[in-house]
């Protein structure tokens, strides 16, 4: 083989090796560009929420959907110059809707867990809290320590980390299908269930909103707890592949946190409390919830 032919063969081989890498890079770039173009053309953001979780997503006296997370989502959409449409559904329905593209985002006090990070694109956190337990006032439902949960019945929605933790601690979970807070509270008061494990701010505001239940139920301060998810805060869920939306949402959240908009929304719905910062309270115990996704 001549030197000229040998050089040509080497150059051709190098081109064959480099070409697929170049094409792959172009494909990735085109995909990101396509995602950004789609978001730019999109006029409306479809957002999943429960509509039953006071004070984060509920129906007010005028029957209109409102709440902390609902208002944050509206502020984000406004900043992105998009209209917003809410679809009310339970947790399992929301996860499916995100994956199949029926909705663009989901807001419902969703914690930022490691397991969820593998399944969805998550925004930066804009709410921080800790966990608590609602029990009957007259006898504290017989629960004076976490060990006392064994054999008790806990109310909640199937698939949540709270019901997983309750079962892990020996309780019997009683699951509900996207019902409002008053149903949960009445069942503890009448003895159908013994306790509700959930976010402290949600629980305390629910009791304040229902004076009759506030007389019968309480949140023991010696049983404040946390999980591996609580410390990460709560945010917005999006489809894993929708990186353009995630970036846009995070930029808007940063603005809303910096200018105090989310703080004002927090104080409106959480009785003057600023949930944009980690609370300073005594946490009796931190649990690792097995197979937790909320």
C-alpha atoms as a PDB file:
ATOM      1  CA  UNK A   1       0.000   0.000   0.000  1.00  0.00           C
ATOM      2  CA  UNK A   2       1.363   3.480  -0.889  1.00  0.00           C
ATOM      3  CA  UNK A   3       1.895   6.193   1.711  1.00  0.00           C
ATOM      4  CA  UNK A   4      -0.968   8.227   0.188  1.00  0.00           C
ATOM      5  CA  UNK A   5      -3.415   5.318   0.404  1.00  0.00           C
ATOM      6  CA  UNK A   6      -2.281   4.503   3.953  1.00  0.00           C
ATOM      7  CA  UNK A   7      -2.866   8.128   5.074  1.00  0.00           C
ATOM      8  CA  UNK A   8      -6.298   8.082   3.426  1.00  0.00           C
ATOM      9  CA  UNK A   9      -7.213   4.857   5.258  1.00  0.00           C
ATOM     10  CA  UNK A  10      -6.135   6.302   8.616  1.00  0.00           C
ATOM     11  CA  UNK A  11      -8.096   9.532   8.057  1.00  0.00           C
ATOM     12  CA  UNK A  12     -11.190   7.559   6.981  1.00  0.00           C
ATOM     13  CA  UNK A  13     -10.958   5.348  10.084  1.00  0.00           C
ATOM     14  CA  UNK A  14     -10.684   8.385  12.324  1.00  0.00           C
ATOM     15  CA  UNK A  15     -13.714   9.950  10.655  1.00  0.00           C
ATOM     16  CA  UNK A  16     -15.726   6.782  11.219  1.00  0.00           C
ATOM     17  CA  UNK A  17     -14.789   6.815  14.924  1.00  0.00           C
ATOM     18  CA  UNK A  18     -15.458  10.529  15.446  1.00  0.00           C
ATOM     19  CA  UNK A  19     -18.661  10.798  13.389  1.00  0.00           C
ATOM     20  CA  UNK A  20     -20.951   8.812  15.744  1.00  0.00           C
ATOM     21  CA  UNK A  21     -19.712  10.851  18.741  1.00  0.00           C
ATOM     22  CA  UNK A  22     -20.327  14.095  16.879  1.00  0.00           C
ATOM     23  CA  UNK A  23     -23.775  12.966  15.780  1.00  0.00           C
ATOM     24  CA  UNK A  24     -24.632  11.855  19.321  1.00  0.00           C
ATOM     25  CA  UNK A  25     -23.627  15.263  20.660  1.00  0.00           C
ATOM     26  CA  UNK A  26     -25.738  16.985  18.021  1.00  0.00           C
ATOM     27  CA  UNK A  27     -28.681  14.764  18.920  1.00  0.00           C
ATOM     28  CA  UNK A  28     -28.425  15.690  22.594  1.00  0.00           C
ATOM     29  CA  UNK A  29     -28.144  19.360  21.725  1.00  0.00           C
ATOM     30  CA  UNK A  30     -31.134  19.149  19.387  1.00  0.00           C
ATOM     31  CA  UNK A  31     -33.161  17.405  22.122  1.00  0.00           C
ATOM     32  CA  UNK A  32     -32.448  20.162  24.643  1.00  0.00           C
ATOM     33  CA  UNK A  33     -33.153  22.805  22.028  1.00  0.00           C
ATOM     34  CA  UNK A  34     -36.420  21.078  21.103  1.00  0.00           C
ATOM     35  CA  UNK A  35     -37.459  20.994  24.777  1.00  0.00           C
ATOM     36  CA  UNK A  36     -36.766  24.718  25.129  1.00  0.00           C
ATOM     37  CA  UNK A  37     -38.620  25.509  21.905  1.00  0.00           C
ATOM     38  CA  UNK A  38     -41.632  23.507  23.097  1.00  0.00           C
ATOM     39  CA  UNK A  39     -41.710  25.386  26.408  1.00  0.00           C
ATOM     40  CA  UNK A  40     -41.406  28.732  24.626  1.00  0.00           C
ATOM     41  CA  UNK A  41     -44.417  27.924  22.432  1.00  0.00           C
ATOM     42  CA  UNK A  42     -46.474  26.454  25.279  1.00  0.00           C
ATOM     43  CA  UNK A  43     -49.207  28.853  26.407  1.00  0.00           C
ATOM     44  CA  UNK A  44     -50.632  26.930  29.380  1.00  0.00           C
ATOM     45  CA  UNK A  45     -49.050  24.907  32.203  1.00  0.00           C
ATOM     46  CA  UNK A  46     -51.232  22.016  33.399  1.00  0.00           C
ATOM     47  CA  UNK A  47     -50.715  21.391  37.120  1.00  0.00           C
ATOM     48  CA  UNK A  48     -51.878  18.417  39.194  1.00  0.00           C
ATOM     49  CA  UNK A  49     -52.938  18.948  42.814  1.00  0.00           C
ATOM     50  CA  UNK A  50     -55.299  17.297  45.290  1.00  0.00           C
ATOM     51  CA  UNK A  51     -57.667  20.145  46.146  1.00  0.00           C
ATOM     52  CA  UNK A  52     -58.255  18.471  49.511  1.00  0.00           C
ATOM     53  CA  UNK A  53     -55.105  19.251  51.531  1.00  0.00           C
ATOM     54  CA  UNK A  54     -55.602  22.319  53.725  1.00  0.00           C
ATOM     55  CA  UNK A  55     -53.898  24.802  53.647  1.00  0.00           C
ATOM     56  CA  UNK A  56     -51.726  23.825  50.680  1.00  0.00           C
ATOM     57  CA  UNK A  57     -54.422  22.873  48.148  1.00  0.00           C
ATOM     58  CA  UNK A  58     -58.109  23.190  49.017  1.00  0.00           C
ATOM     59  CA  UNK A  59     -61.415  24.837  48.114  1.00  0.00           C
ATOM     60  CA  UNK A  60     -62.279  28.038  49.975  1.00  0.00           C
ATOM     61  CA  UNK A  61     -65.705  29.291  51.012  1.00  0.00           C
ATOM     62  CA  UNK A  62     -66.253  30.466  47.443  1.00  0.00           C
ATOM     63  CA  UNK A  63     -65.592  26.875  46.249  1.00  0.00           C
ATOM     64  CA  UNK A  64     -62.556  28.033  44.266  1.00  0.00           C
ATOM     65  CA  UNK A  65     -59.259  26.150  44.416  1.00  0.00           C
ATOM     66  CA  UNK A  66     -56.689  27.942  46.544  1.00  0.00           C
ATOM     67  CA  UNK A  67     -53.870  27.265  49.024  1.00  0.00           C
ATOM     68  CA  UNK A  68     -50.155  27.800  49.563  1.00  0.00           C
ATOM     69  CA  UNK A  69     -48.889  25.485  46.805  1.00  0.00           C
ATOM     70  CA  UNK A  70     -51.652  26.593  44.447  1.00  0.00           C
ATOM     71  CA  UNK A  71     -50.656  30.244  44.863  1.00  0.00           C
ATOM     72  CA  UNK A  72     -46.945  29.468  44.447  1.00  0.00           C
ATOM     73  CA  UNK A  73     -47.713  27.598  41.197  1.00  0.00           C
ATOM     74  CA  UNK A  74     -49.757  30.562  39.961  1.00  0.00           C
ATOM     75  CA  UNK A  75     -46.891  32.952  40.756  1.00  0.00           C
ATOM     76  CA  UNK A  76     -44.426  30.730  38.869  1.00  0.00           C
ATOM     77  CA  UNK A  77     -46.717  30.523  35.823  1.00  0.00           C
ATOM     78  CA  UNK A  78     -47.219  34.278  35.854  1.00  0.00           C
ATOM     79  CA  UNK A  79     -43.462  34.852  35.929  1.00  0.00           C
ATOM     80  CA  UNK A  80     -43.061  32.495  32.963  1.00  0.00           C
ATOM     81  CA  UNK A  81     -45.851  34.347  31.117  1.00  0.00           C
ATOM     82  CA  UNK A  82     -47.999  31.216  30.997  1.00  0.00           C
ATOM     83  CA  UNK A  83     -51.627  30.550  31.795  1.00  0.00           C
ATOM     84  CA  UNK A  84     -52.285  27.836  34.364  1.00  0.00           C
ATOM     85  CA  UNK A  85     -54.809  25.004  34.515  1.00  0.00           C
ATOM     86  CA  UNK A  86     -55.231  22.801  37.585  1.00  0.00           C
ATOM     87  CA  UNK A  87     -56.305  19.155  37.525  1.00  0.00           C
ATOM     88  CA  UNK A  88     -57.344  17.629  40.840  1.00  0.00           C
ATOM     89  CA  UNK A  89     -56.246  14.047  41.492  1.00  0.00           C
ATOM     90  CA  UNK A  90     -54.776  11.767  44.152  1.00  0.00           C
ATOM     91  CA  UNK A  91     -51.094  10.904  44.603  1.00  0.00           C
ATOM     92  CA  UNK A  92     -51.025   7.765  42.435  1.00  0.00           C
ATOM     93  CA  UNK A  93     -52.976   9.498  39.665  1.00  0.00           C
ATOM     94  CA  UNK A  94     -50.576  12.419  39.793  1.00  0.00           C
ATOM     95  CA  UNK A  95     -47.501  10.221  39.358  1.00  0.00           C
ATOM     96  CA  UNK A  96     -49.020   8.544  36.296  1.00  0.00           C
ATOM     97  CA  UNK A  97     -50.133  11.881  34.832  1.00  0.00           C
ATOM     98  CA  UNK A  98     -46.611  13.302  35.135  1.00  0.00           C
ATOM     99  CA  UNK A  99     -45.045  10.300  33.445  1.00  0.00           C
ATOM    100  CA  UNK A 100     -47.486  10.191  30.530  1.00  0.00           C
ATOM    101  CA  UNK A 101     -47.413  13.946  29.988  1.00  0.00           C
ATOM    102  CA  UNK A 102     -51.048  14.615  30.921  1.00  0.00           C
ATOM    103  CA  UNK A 103     -49.805  17.285  33.337  1.00  0.00           C
ATOM    104  CA  UNK A 104     -46.653  19.419  33.294  1.00  0.00           C
ATOM    105  CA  UNK A 105     -46.185  19.908  37.028  1.00  0.00           C
ATOM    106  CA  UNK A 106     -47.536  18.694  40.372  1.00  0.00           C
ATOM    107  CA  UNK A 107     -47.871  20.653  43.620  1.00  0.00           C
ATOM    108  CA  UNK A 108     -49.199  19.181  46.866  1.00  0.00           C
ATOM    109  CA  UNK A 109     -46.559  19.565  49.578  1.00  0.00           C
ATOM    110  CA  UNK A 110     -44.386  17.001  47.788  1.00  0.00           C
ATOM    111  CA  UNK A 111     -41.184  16.283  49.673  1.00  0.00           C
ATOM    112  CA  UNK A 112     -37.902  16.105  47.802  1.00  0.00           C
ATOM    113  CA  UNK A 113     -36.798  12.514  48.374  1.00  0.00           C
ATOM    114  CA  UNK A 114     -33.891  10.623  46.815  1.00  0.00           C
ATOM    115  CA  UNK A 115     -36.242   7.999  45.409  1.00  0.00           C
ATOM    116  CA  UNK A 116     -38.416  10.660  43.817  1.00  0.00           C
ATOM    117  CA  UNK A 117     -35.360  12.355  42.322  1.00  0.00           C
ATOM    118  CA  UNK A 118     -34.748   9.171  40.334  1.00  0.00           C
ATOM    119  CA  UNK A 119     -38.284   9.223  38.930  1.00  0.00           C
ATOM    120  CA  UNK A 120     -39.030  12.912  38.376  1.00  0.00           C
ATOM    121  CA  UNK A 121     -37.469  16.316  37.832  1.00  0.00           C
ATOM    122  CA  UNK A 122     -37.745  18.244  41.112  1.00  0.00           C
ATOM    123  CA  UNK A 123     -37.608  21.967  41.697  1.00  0.00           C
ATOM    124  CA  UNK A 124     -35.512  23.610  44.360  1.00  0.00           C
ATOM    125  CA  UNK A 125     -37.359  23.535  47.721  1.00  0.00           C
ATOM    126  CA  UNK A 126     -39.491  26.507  48.755  1.00  0.00           C
ATOM    127  CA  UNK A 127     -41.076  25.058  51.902  1.00  0.00           C
ATOM    128  CA  UNK A 128     -39.454  23.500  54.984  1.00  0.00           C
ATOM    129  CA  UNK A 129     -41.238  21.864  57.879  1.00  0.00           C
ATOM    130  CA  UNK A 130     -41.199  18.973  60.349  1.00  0.00           C
ATOM    131  CA  UNK A 131     -43.624  16.178  61.166  1.00  0.00           C
ATOM    132  CA  UNK A 132     -46.221  15.704  63.859  1.00  0.00           C
ATOM    133  CA  UNK A 133     -49.016  13.496  65.129  1.00  0.00           C
ATOM    134  CA  UNK A 134     -52.677  14.336  65.735  1.00  0.00           C
ATOM    135  CA  UNK A 135     -54.288  12.371  68.585  1.00  0.00           C
ATOM    136  CA  UNK A 136     -57.359  12.648  70.840  1.00  0.00           C
ATOM    137  CA  UNK A 137     -57.092  15.191  73.653  1.00  0.00           C
ATOM    138  CA  UNK A 138     -58.838  13.175  76.349  1.00  0.00           C
ATOM    139  CA  UNK A 139     -56.366  10.282  76.405  1.00  0.00           C
ATOM    140  CA  UNK A 140     -53.791  11.211  73.726  1.00  0.00           C
ATOM    141  CA  UNK A 141     -55.133   8.112  71.935  1.00  0.00           C
ATOM    142  CA  UNK A 142     -52.958   6.082  74.299  1.00  0.00           C
ATOM    143  CA  UNK A 143     -49.893   7.297  72.389  1.00  0.00           C
ATOM    144  CA  UNK A 144     -47.268   8.859  74.658  1.00  0.00           C
ATOM    145  CA  UNK A 145     -44.222   7.592  72.779  1.00  0.00           C
ATOM    146  CA  UNK A 146     -43.521   6.373  69.256  1.00  0.00           C
ATOM    147  CA  UNK A 147     -43.479   2.803  70.583  1.00  0.00           C
ATOM    148  CA  UNK A 148     -47.156   3.266  71.565  1.00  0.00           C
ATOM    149  CA  UNK A 149     -48.109   3.422  67.881  1.00  0.00           C
ATOM    150  CA  UNK A 150     -47.898  -0.361  67.779  1.00  0.00           C
ATOM    151  CA  UNK A 151     -51.417  -1.764  67.419  1.00  0.00           C
ATOM    152  CA  UNK A 152     -52.980   1.676  66.791  1.00  0.00           C
ATOM    153  CA  UNK A 153     -54.789   2.786  63.611  1.00  0.00           C
ATOM    154  CA  UNK A 154     -53.448   5.713  61.574  1.00  0.00           C
ATOM    155  CA  UNK A 155     -55.407   7.617  58.936  1.00  0.00           C
ATOM    156  CA  UNK A 156     -53.821   8.751  55.688  1.00  0.00           C
ATOM    157  CA  UNK A 157     -53.540   8.315  51.948  1.00  0.00           C
ATOM    158  CA  UNK A 158     -52.132   5.079  50.553  1.00  0.00           C
ATOM    159  CA  UNK A 159     -48.546   5.252  49.314  1.00  0.00           C
ATOM    160  CA  UNK A 160     -47.448   8.216  51.432  1.00  0.00           C
ATOM    161  CA  UNK A 161     -44.334   8.055  53.592  1.00  0.00           C
ATOM    162  CA  UNK A 162     -46.472   8.746  56.667  1.00  0.00           C
ATOM    163  CA  UNK A 163     -48.529   5.598  56.200  1.00  0.00           C
ATOM    164  CA  UNK A 164     -45.370   3.635  55.402  1.00  0.00           C
ATOM    165  CA  UNK A 165     -43.767   4.895  58.601  1.00  0.00           C
ATOM    166  CA  UNK A 166     -46.886   4.100  60.645  1.00  0.00           C
ATOM    167  CA  UNK A 167     -46.830   0.525  59.389  1.00  0.00           C
ATOM    168  CA  UNK A 168     -43.089   0.348  60.005  1.00  0.00           C
ATOM    169  CA  UNK A 169     -43.751   1.316  63.648  1.00  0.00           C
ATOM    170  CA  UNK A 170     -46.392  -1.377  64.067  1.00  0.00           C
ATOM    171  CA  UNK A 171     -49.568   0.621  63.444  1.00  0.00           C
ATOM    172  CA  UNK A 172     -52.380  -0.415  61.104  1.00  0.00           C
ATOM    173  CA  UNK A 173     -52.783   2.125  58.275  1.00  0.00           C
ATOM    174  CA  UNK A 174     -56.358   3.106  57.410  1.00  0.00           C
ATOM    175  CA  UNK A 175     -56.203   4.508  53.878  1.00  0.00           C
ATOM    176  CA  UNK A 176     -58.473   7.136  52.332  1.00  0.00           C
ATOM    177  CA  UNK A 177     -58.904   8.164  48.699  1.00  0.00           C
ATOM    178  CA  UNK A 178     -58.195  11.915  48.397  1.00  0.00           C
ATOM    179  CA  UNK A 179     -60.680  13.041  51.064  1.00  0.00           C
ATOM    180  CA  UNK A 180     -60.656  16.408  52.864  1.00  0.00           C
ATOM    181  CA  UNK A 181     -59.055  17.059  56.249  1.00  0.00           C
ATOM    182  CA  UNK A 182     -62.326  17.066  58.196  1.00  0.00           C
ATOM    183  CA  UNK A 183     -62.888  13.386  57.355  1.00  0.00           C
ATOM    184  CA  UNK A 184     -59.493  12.409  58.773  1.00  0.00           C
ATOM    185  CA  UNK A 185     -59.986  14.505  61.913  1.00  0.00           C
ATOM    186  CA  UNK A 186     -63.527  13.318  62.647  1.00  0.00           C
ATOM    187  CA  UNK A 187     -62.405   9.695  62.431  1.00  0.00           C
ATOM    188  CA  UNK A 188     -59.689  10.258  65.048  1.00  0.00           C
ATOM    189  CA  UNK A 189     -62.172  12.079  67.281  1.00  0.00           C
ATOM    190  CA  UNK A 190     -64.776   9.297  67.072  1.00  0.00           C
ATOM    191  CA  UNK A 191     -62.230   6.517  67.510  1.00  0.00           C
ATOM    192  CA  UNK A 192     -62.344   4.998  64.030  1.00  0.00           C
ATOM    193  CA  UNK A 193     -58.634   5.795  63.880  1.00  0.00           C
ATOM    194  CA  UNK A 194     -56.190   6.796  66.618  1.00  0.00           C
ATOM    195  CA  UNK A 195     -53.725   9.151  64.982  1.00  0.00           C
ATOM    196  CA  UNK A 196     -52.692  11.045  61.849  1.00  0.00           C
ATOM    197  CA  UNK A 197     -49.010  11.412  60.968  1.00  0.00           C
ATOM    198  CA  UNK A 198     -48.293  14.361  58.694  1.00  0.00           C
ATOM    199  CA  UNK A 199     -46.604  17.721  58.187  1.00  0.00           C
ATOM    200  CA  UNK A 200     -46.835  19.924  61.307  1.00  0.00           C
ATOM    201  CA  UNK A 201     -47.987  23.089  59.542  1.00  0.00           C
ATOM    202  CA  UNK A 202     -50.702  21.246  57.615  1.00  0.00           C
ATOM    203  CA  UNK A 203     -51.927  19.558  60.790  1.00  0.00           C
ATOM    204  CA  UNK A 204     -51.939  22.678  62.979  1.00  0.00           C
ATOM    205  CA  UNK A 205     -53.737  24.768  60.353  1.00  0.00           C
ATOM    206  CA  UNK A 206     -56.320  22.030  59.781  1.00  0.00           C
ATOM    207  CA  UNK A 207     -57.143  22.033  63.507  1.00  0.00           C
ATOM    208  CA  UNK A 208     -57.423  25.831  63.577  1.00  0.00           C
ATOM    209  CA  UNK A 209     -59.783  25.724  60.611  1.00  0.00           C
ATOM    210  CA  UNK A 210     -62.124  23.293  62.401  1.00  0.00           C
ATOM    211  CA  UNK A 211     -62.829  24.607  65.932  1.00  0.00           C
ATOM    212  CA  UNK A 212     -64.954  21.578  66.905  1.00  0.00           C
ATOM    213  CA  UNK A 213     -62.050  19.270  66.110  1.00  0.00           C
ATOM    214  CA  UNK A 214     -59.584  21.596  67.844  1.00  0.00           C
ATOM    215  CA  UNK A 215     -61.496  21.013  71.086  1.00  0.00           C
ATOM    216  CA  UNK A 216     -61.209  17.236  70.748  1.00  0.00           C
ATOM    217  CA  UNK A 217     -57.782  16.758  69.172  1.00  0.00           C
ATOM    218  CA  UNK A 218     -54.201  17.820  69.868  1.00  0.00           C
ATOM    219  CA  UNK A 219     -50.637  17.699  68.530  1.00  0.00           C
ATOM    220  CA  UNK A 220     -48.211  16.502  71.263  1.00  0.00           C
ATOM    221  CA  UNK A 221     -45.070  18.656  71.168  1.00  0.00           C
ATOM    222  CA  UNK A 222     -42.996  15.808  72.628  1.00  0.00           C
ATOM    223  CA  UNK A 223     -43.735  13.706  69.526  1.00  0.00           C
ATOM    224  CA  UNK A 224     -42.412  16.025  66.823  1.00  0.00           C
ATOM    225  CA  UNK A 225     -40.391  13.953  64.370  1.00  0.00           C
ATOM    226  CA  UNK A 226     -38.615  14.067  61.029  1.00  0.00           C
ATOM    227  CA  UNK A 227     -37.818  11.686  58.189  1.00  0.00           C
ATOM    228  CA  UNK A 228     -35.048  11.530  55.619  1.00  0.00           C
ATOM    229  CA  UNK A 229     -37.374  13.498  53.310  1.00  0.00           C
ATOM    230  CA  UNK A 230     -38.448  16.265  55.681  1.00  0.00           C
ATOM    231  CA  UNK A 231     -34.976  17.807  55.865  1.00  0.00           C
ATOM    232  CA  UNK A 232     -34.890  18.265  52.079  1.00  0.00           C
ATOM    233  CA  UNK A 233     -37.987  20.444  51.976  1.00  0.00           C
ATOM    234  CA  UNK A 234     -40.901  20.421  49.530  1.00  0.00           C
ATOM    235  CA  UNK A 235     -41.116  21.519  45.922  1.00  0.00           C
ATOM    236  CA  UNK A 236     -42.645  21.079  42.481  1.00  0.00           C
ATOM    237  CA  UNK A 237     -42.603  17.765  40.592  1.00  0.00           C
ATOM    238  CA  UNK A 238     -42.104  17.597  36.819  1.00  0.00           C
ATOM    239  CA  UNK A 239     -41.458  14.912  34.227  1.00  0.00           C
ATOM    240  CA  UNK A 240     -37.885  13.604  34.437  1.00  0.00           C
ATOM    241  CA  UNK A 241     -37.053  14.522  30.837  1.00  0.00           C
ATOM    242  CA  UNK A 242     -38.500  18.044  31.015  1.00  0.00           C
ATOM    243  CA  UNK A 243     -35.237  19.778  31.887  1.00  0.00           C
ATOM    244  CA  UNK A 244     -36.199  23.025  30.152  1.00  0.00           C
ATOM    245  CA  UNK A 245     -39.250  23.420  32.386  1.00  0.00           C
ATOM    246  CA  UNK A 246     -37.251  22.492  35.489  1.00  0.00           C
ATOM    247  CA  UNK A 247     -34.627  25.160  34.731  1.00  0.00           C
ATOM    248  CA  UNK A 248     -37.288  27.792  34.032  1.00  0.00           C
ATOM    249  CA  UNK A 249     -39.234  26.939  37.196  1.00  0.00           C
ATOM    250  CA  UNK A 250     -36.105  27.043  39.369  1.00  0.00           C
ATOM    251  CA  UNK A 251     -35.127  30.461  38.026  1.00  0.00           C
ATOM    252  CA  UNK A 252     -38.608  31.777  38.775  1.00  0.00           C
ATOM    253  CA  UNK A 253     -38.671  30.249  42.272  1.00  0.00           C
ATOM    254  CA  UNK A 254     -35.315  31.908  43.015  1.00  0.00           C
ATOM    255  CA  UNK A 255     -36.825  35.291  42.097  1.00  0.00           C
ATOM    256  CA  UNK A 256     -39.976  34.679  44.153  1.00  0.00           C
ATOM    257  CA  UNK A 257     -37.938  33.630  47.197  1.00  0.00           C
ATOM    258  CA  UNK A 258     -35.590  36.601  46.884  1.00  0.00           C
ATOM    259  CA  UNK A 259     -38.326  39.240  46.487  1.00  0.00           C
ATOM    260  CA  UNK A 260     -40.387  37.828  49.365  1.00  0.00           C
ATOM    261  CA  UNK A 261     -43.401  36.723  47.326  1.00  0.00           C
ATOM    262  CA  UNK A 262     -43.378  33.149  48.636  1.00  0.00           C
ATOM    263  CA  UNK A 263     -42.847  34.391  52.191  1.00  0.00           C
ATOM    264  CA  UNK A 264     -46.008  36.523  51.879  1.00  0.00           C
ATOM    265  CA  UNK A 265     -47.963  33.562  50.503  1.00  0.00           C
ATOM    266  CA  UNK A 266     -46.657  31.455  53.391  1.00  0.00           C
ATOM    267  CA  UNK A 267     -47.731  33.979  56.024  1.00  0.00           C
ATOM    268  CA  UNK A 268     -51.173  34.170  54.422  1.00  0.00           C
ATOM    269  CA  UNK A 269     -51.835  30.437  54.539  1.00  0.00           C
ATOM    270  CA  UNK A 270     -49.768  29.336  57.547  1.00  0.00           C
ATOM    271  CA  UNK A 271     -51.011  31.804  60.137  1.00  0.00           C
ATOM    272  CA  UNK A 272     -48.074  34.203  59.872  1.00  0.00           C
ATOM    273  CA  UNK A 273     -45.391  31.501  59.748  1.00  0.00           C
ATOM    274  CA  UNK A 274     -42.549  31.746  57.229  1.00  0.00           C
ATOM    275  CA  UNK A 275     -42.069  28.215  55.897  1.00  0.00           C
ATOM    276  CA  UNK A 276     -39.360  29.213  53.412  1.00  0.00           C
ATOM    277  CA  UNK A 277     -36.751  28.594  56.137  1.00  0.00           C
ATOM    278  CA  UNK A 278     -36.020  25.501  58.210  1.00  0.00           C
ATOM    279  CA  UNK A 279     -37.934  25.681  61.520  1.00  0.00           C
ATOM    280  CA  UNK A 280     -36.139  25.737  64.873  1.00  0.00           C
ATOM    281  CA  UNK A 281     -37.966  23.218  67.073  1.00  0.00           C
ATOM    282  CA  UNK A 282     -36.962  20.180  69.114  1.00  0.00           C
ATOM    283  CA  UNK A 283     -37.257  17.022  67.005  1.00  0.00           C
ATOM    284  CA  UNK A 284     -37.753  13.998  69.271  1.00  0.00           C
ATOM    285  CA  UNK A 285     -36.694  11.465  66.648  1.00  0.00           C
ATOM    286  CA  UNK A 286     -35.645  11.178  62.997  1.00  0.00           C
ATOM    287  CA  UNK A 287     -36.833   8.112  61.106  1.00  0.00           C
ATOM    288  CA  UNK A 288     -35.674   6.458  57.907  1.00  0.00           C
ATOM    289  CA  UNK A 289     -38.806   5.430  56.056  1.00  0.00           C
ATOM    290  CA  UNK A 290     -38.303   2.296  53.982  1.00  0.00           C
ATOM    291  CA  UNK A 291     -39.232   2.540  50.283  1.00  0.00           C
ATOM    292  CA  UNK A 292     -40.390   6.098  50.855  1.00  0.00           C
ATOM    293  CA  UNK A 293     -41.528   8.212  47.909  1.00  0.00           C
ATOM    294  CA  UNK A 294     -43.451  10.983  49.626  1.00  0.00           C
END
